[in-house]
Amino acid sequence: MQATQQKLRSELPKIYRQELLNDLFRHPYTKIEFVERDLGVSRITAAKYLSGLMAAGIVQKVKRGRTNFYINEPLFRLLGS
């Protein structure tokens, strides 16, 4: 979590929020709707946050049906160990 926090602060300082970091580590994946609800932001802002996280390599986007999931790979691997 600390490495992700540092990466988020250095590479994406405009979107860094403790709530966003907490949301990333609450579950091994998130969706636009979760970020919207948990951070109290618009859908457009939530999508921008997740796009930035994806570009920084913090999450990986996986499409299942009509829904996009954003996977926190390091956390997912840790939980699988």
N, C-alpha and C. Protein backbone atom coordinates (compact mmCIF):
# COMPACT_ATOMS: atom_id res chain seq x y z
N MET A 1 0.83 -1.19 0.00
CA MET A 1 0.00 0.00 0.00
C MET A 1 0.87 1.25 0.00
N GLN A 2 1.99 1.18 0.71
CA GLN A 2 2.86 2.34 0.80
C GLN A 2 3.50 2.68 -0.56
N ALA A 3 3.90 1.64 -1.31
CA ALA A 3 4.49 1.87 -2.63
C ALA A 3 3.46 2.50 -3.57
N THR A 4 2.23 2.03 -3.49
CA THR A 4 1.16 2.59 -4.32
C THR A 4 0.89 4.02 -3.93
N GLN A 5 0.90 4.31 -2.64
CA GLN A 5 0.68 5.68 -2.17
C GLN A 5 1.75 6.61 -2.71
N GLN A 6 3.01 6.18 -2.66
CA GLN A 6 4.11 7.01 -3.16
C GLN A 6 3.99 7.22 -4.67
N LYS A 7 3.64 6.15 -5.39
CA LYS A 7 3.49 6.26 -6.84
C LYS A 7 2.34 7.20 -7.20
N LEU A 8 1.25 7.07 -6.47
CA LEU A 8 0.09 7.92 -6.70
C LEU A 8 0.42 9.38 -6.42
N ARG A 9 1.13 9.63 -5.34
CA ARG A 9 1.52 11.01 -5.00
C ARG A 9 2.47 11.61 -6.01
N SER A 10 3.44 10.81 -6.48
CA SER A 10 4.44 11.37 -7.38
C SER A 10 3.95 11.47 -8.82
N GLU A 11 3.21 10.45 -9.30
CA GLU A 11 2.80 10.44 -10.70
C GLU A 11 1.43 11.07 -10.95
N LEU A 12 0.57 11.05 -9.94
CA LEU A 12 -0.79 11.58 -10.12
C LEU A 12 -1.18 12.50 -8.96
N PRO A 13 -0.41 13.54 -8.71
CA PRO A 13 -0.70 14.39 -7.55
C PRO A 13 -2.06 15.10 -7.61
N LYS A 14 -2.57 15.33 -8.81
CA LYS A 14 -3.85 16.03 -8.93
C LYS A 14 -5.03 15.18 -8.51
N ILE A 15 -4.88 13.85 -8.59
CA ILE A 15 -6.00 13.00 -8.20
C ILE A 15 -5.76 12.29 -6.87
N TYR A 16 -4.58 12.51 -6.26
CA TYR A 16 -4.29 11.82 -5.01
C TYR A 16 -5.27 12.25 -3.92
N ARG A 17 -5.91 11.25 -3.33
CA ARG A 17 -6.78 11.43 -2.17
C ARG A 17 -6.65 10.18 -1.33
N GLN A 18 -6.62 10.35 -0.04
CA GLN A 18 -6.53 9.20 0.85
C GLN A 18 -7.72 8.27 0.65
N GLU A 19 -8.89 8.83 0.38
CA GLU A 19 -10.09 8.02 0.15
C GLU A 19 -9.94 7.12 -1.08
N LEU A 20 -9.29 7.64 -2.11
CA LEU A 20 -9.05 6.86 -3.32
C LEU A 20 -8.10 5.70 -3.02
N LEU A 21 -7.05 5.97 -2.30
CA LEU A 21 -6.10 4.94 -1.92
C LEU A 21 -6.79 3.86 -1.07
N ASN A 22 -7.58 4.28 -0.12
CA ASN A 22 -8.32 3.33 0.72
C ASN A 22 -9.26 2.48 -0.12
N ASP A 23 -9.91 3.09 -1.09
CA ASP A 23 -10.84 2.38 -1.96
C ASP A 23 -10.12 1.31 -2.78
N LEU A 24 -8.90 1.61 -3.21
CA LEU A 24 -8.12 0.65 -3.99
C LEU A 24 -7.75 -0.58 -3.19
N PHE A 25 -7.60 -0.42 -1.88
CA PHE A 25 -7.17 -1.53 -1.04
C PHE A 25 -8.30 -2.14 -0.21
N ARG A 26 -9.49 -1.65 -0.38
CA ARG A 26 -10.64 -2.23 0.32
C ARG A 26 -11.01 -3.57 -0.31
N HIS A 27 -10.90 -3.65 -1.64
CA HIS A 27 -11.20 -4.85 -2.41
C HIS A 27 -10.13 -4.99 -3.48
N PRO A 28 -9.93 -6.20 -4.03
CA PRO A 28 -8.90 -6.35 -5.07
C PRO A 28 -9.31 -5.75 -6.42
N TYR A 29 -10.55 -5.28 -6.52
CA TYR A 29 -10.99 -4.64 -7.75
C TYR A 29 -11.95 -3.50 -7.39
N THR A 30 -12.16 -2.62 -8.35
CA THR A 30 -13.15 -1.56 -8.17
C THR A 30 -13.84 -1.32 -9.51
N LYS A 31 -14.86 -0.50 -9.48
CA LYS A 31 -15.60 -0.12 -10.68
C LYS A 31 -15.86 1.39 -10.59
N ILE A 32 -16.23 1.98 -11.70
CA ILE A 32 -16.52 3.41 -11.72
C ILE A 32 -17.59 3.73 -10.67
N GLU A 33 -18.60 2.89 -10.58
CA GLU A 33 -19.70 3.14 -9.63
C GLU A 33 -19.20 3.16 -8.19
N PHE A 34 -18.24 2.29 -7.87
CA PHE A 34 -17.70 2.25 -6.49
C PHE A 34 -16.95 3.54 -6.17
N VAL A 35 -16.13 3.99 -7.11
CA VAL A 35 -15.36 5.22 -6.89
C VAL A 35 -16.31 6.41 -6.77
N GLU A 36 -17.30 6.44 -7.63
CA GLU A 36 -18.33 7.49 -7.59
C GLU A 36 -18.96 7.58 -6.19
N ARG A 37 -19.44 6.43 -5.72
CA ARG A 37 -20.15 6.36 -4.44
C ARG A 37 -19.21 6.65 -3.26
N ASP A 38 -18.06 6.00 -3.24
CA ASP A 38 -17.16 6.09 -2.09
C ASP A 38 -16.47 7.44 -1.96
N LEU A 39 -16.20 8.10 -3.08
CA LEU A 39 -15.51 9.38 -3.04
C LEU A 39 -16.46 10.57 -3.22
N GLY A 40 -17.70 10.29 -3.58
CA GLY A 40 -18.67 11.36 -3.77
C GLY A 40 -18.35 12.26 -4.95
N VAL A 41 -17.89 11.63 -6.04
CA VAL A 41 -17.54 12.39 -7.25
C VAL A 41 -18.48 11.99 -8.38
N SER A 42 -18.43 12.75 -9.46
CA SER A 42 -19.27 12.44 -10.62
C SER A 42 -18.71 11.23 -11.36
N ARG A 43 -19.52 10.68 -12.24
CA ARG A 43 -19.08 9.52 -13.04
C ARG A 43 -17.88 9.90 -13.91
N ILE A 44 -17.91 11.08 -14.48
CA ILE A 44 -16.80 11.54 -15.32
C ILE A 44 -15.51 11.63 -14.52
N THR A 45 -15.58 12.18 -13.33
CA THR A 45 -14.40 12.31 -12.47
C THR A 45 -13.90 10.93 -12.06
N ALA A 46 -14.80 10.03 -11.69
CA ALA A 46 -14.41 8.67 -11.32
C ALA A 46 -13.70 7.98 -12.48
N ALA A 47 -14.22 8.15 -13.69
CA ALA A 47 -13.60 7.55 -14.88
C ALA A 47 -12.21 8.14 -15.11
N LYS A 48 -12.05 9.43 -14.91
CA LYS A 48 -10.73 10.07 -15.06
C LYS A 48 -9.74 9.53 -14.03
N TYR A 49 -10.19 9.38 -12.80
CA TYR A 49 -9.33 8.81 -11.75
C TYR A 49 -8.85 7.42 -12.15
N LEU A 50 -9.78 6.58 -12.60
CA LEU A 50 -9.42 5.21 -12.94
C LEU A 50 -8.55 5.15 -14.20
N SER A 51 -8.78 6.04 -15.14
CA SER A 51 -7.92 6.11 -16.33
C SER A 51 -6.50 6.51 -15.95
N GLY A 52 -6.38 7.46 -15.04
CA GLY A 52 -5.06 7.87 -14.56
C GLY A 52 -4.35 6.74 -13.84
N LEU A 53 -5.09 6.02 -13.00
CA LEU A 53 -4.51 4.88 -12.28
C LEU A 53 -4.07 3.79 -13.24
N MET A 54 -4.84 3.60 -14.30
CA MET A 54 -4.50 2.61 -15.30
C MET A 54 -3.24 3.03 -16.06
N ALA A 55 -3.16 4.29 -16.44
CA ALA A 55 -1.99 4.79 -17.17
C ALA A 55 -0.72 4.70 -16.32
N ALA A 56 -0.86 4.85 -15.01
CA ALA A 56 0.29 4.76 -14.11
C ALA A 56 0.63 3.32 -13.77
N GLY A 57 -0.17 2.37 -14.23
CA GLY A 57 0.11 0.96 -13.98
C GLY A 57 -0.31 0.49 -12.60
N ILE A 58 -1.19 1.24 -11.95
CA ILE A 58 -1.64 0.88 -10.60
C ILE A 58 -2.79 -0.13 -10.68
N VAL A 59 -3.64 0.02 -11.67
CA VAL A 59 -4.74 -0.93 -11.87
C VAL A 59 -4.73 -1.40 -13.32
N GLN A 60 -5.38 -2.53 -13.54
CA GLN A 60 -5.53 -3.08 -14.89
C GLN A 60 -7.01 -3.17 -15.20
N LYS A 61 -7.40 -2.71 -16.36
CA LYS A 61 -8.81 -2.71 -16.77
C LYS A 61 -9.17 -4.05 -17.41
N VAL A 62 -10.26 -4.65 -16.92
CA VAL A 62 -10.77 -5.91 -17.46
C VAL A 62 -12.24 -5.73 -17.73
N LYS A 63 -12.65 -6.04 -18.96
CA LYS A 63 -14.06 -5.90 -19.33
C LYS A 63 -14.74 -7.26 -19.24
N ARG A 64 -15.84 -7.31 -18.49
CA ARG A 64 -16.65 -8.51 -18.36
C ARG A 64 -18.08 -8.13 -18.74
N GLY A 65 -18.53 -8.63 -19.88
CA GLY A 65 -19.85 -8.23 -20.36
C GLY A 65 -19.83 -6.75 -20.69
N ARG A 66 -20.73 -6.01 -20.07
CA ARG A 66 -20.81 -4.57 -20.32
C ARG A 66 -20.14 -3.76 -19.21
N THR A 67 -19.51 -4.44 -18.27
CA THR A 67 -18.93 -3.77 -17.11
C THR A 67 -17.41 -3.80 -17.15
N ASN A 68 -16.80 -2.67 -16.82
CA ASN A 68 -15.34 -2.59 -16.69
C ASN A 68 -14.98 -2.73 -15.22
N PHE A 69 -14.05 -3.62 -14.95
CA PHE A 69 -13.50 -3.79 -13.61
C PHE A 69 -12.06 -3.32 -13.65
N TYR A 70 -11.62 -2.69 -12.59
CA TYR A 70 -10.25 -2.20 -12.49
C TYR A 70 -9.59 -2.99 -11.37
N ILE A 71 -8.66 -3.86 -11.77
CA ILE A 71 -8.04 -4.82 -10.86
C ILE A 71 -6.76 -4.24 -10.28
N ASN A 72 -6.65 -4.30 -8.96
CA ASN A 72 -5.42 -3.94 -8.26
C ASN A 72 -4.57 -5.22 -8.23
N GLU A 73 -3.74 -5.42 -9.25
CA GLU A 73 -2.99 -6.66 -9.42
C GLU A 73 -2.11 -7.03 -8.22
N PRO A 74 -1.33 -6.10 -7.67
CA PRO A 74 -0.51 -6.49 -6.52
C PRO A 74 -1.35 -7.00 -5.34
N LEU A 75 -2.45 -6.37 -5.07
CA LEU A 75 -3.32 -6.81 -3.98
C LEU A 75 -3.96 -8.15 -4.33
N PHE A 76 -4.36 -8.31 -5.57
CA PHE A 76 -4.98 -9.56 -6.02
C PHE A 76 -4.00 -10.73 -5.85
N ARG A 77 -2.75 -10.52 -6.24
CA ARG A 77 -1.72 -11.55 -6.09
C ARG A 77 -1.46 -11.86 -4.61
N LEU A 78 -1.42 -10.84 -3.80
CA LEU A 78 -1.18 -11.02 -2.37
C LEU A 78 -2.29 -11.84 -1.73
N LEU A 79 -3.52 -11.58 -2.10
CA LEU A 79 -4.65 -12.32 -1.54
C LEU A 79 -4.66 -13.77 -2.04
N GLY A 80 -4.12 -14.00 -3.23
CA GLY A 80 -4.08 -15.34 -3.79
C GLY A 80 -2.98 -16.21 -3.21
N SER A 81 -2.02 -15.59 -2.54
CA SER A 81 -0.88 -16.34 -1.98
C SER A 81 -1.27 -17.15 -0.77
